[in-house]
Amino acid sequence: MEVPEARTNREQSADRAFRTALIGLVAFPLEIYAFWLVLDVVCSEERLSPIHRRRATLAALISLPLIAVLCLTLSNFLFK
C-alpha cells in the first residue's frame, strides 16, 4: 500500500491561492491576498505537483487581470 506524500508549503499555498481567487470573484479584496499567495508559490523552490501547478496557474489567471485593473484604476485616480 502506497502512502501519499505530505504536501509541501508551496502546494498548500497553491491550494489556498486557487480557493481564495475563486472567492475573490465575489469579495474583491481577497484577490489581493490570492495574488500574494501566487507570488509565494512562484518564489518558492519546493516541490510542486502537476495538480497544484495547475491550481496556481488558474489562480494567477483569475487574480492577475483583476489586480491589473485595480492598479490602473488607482493610478488613474491618483495621477489625474
Foldseek 3Di string as FASTA:
>chain_A
DDDDDDDDPLLVLLVVLLVLLVVCVVVVVSLVVSVVSLVVNVPDPDDDDPVSVVSSVVSCVRSVVVVVVVVVVVCVVVVD
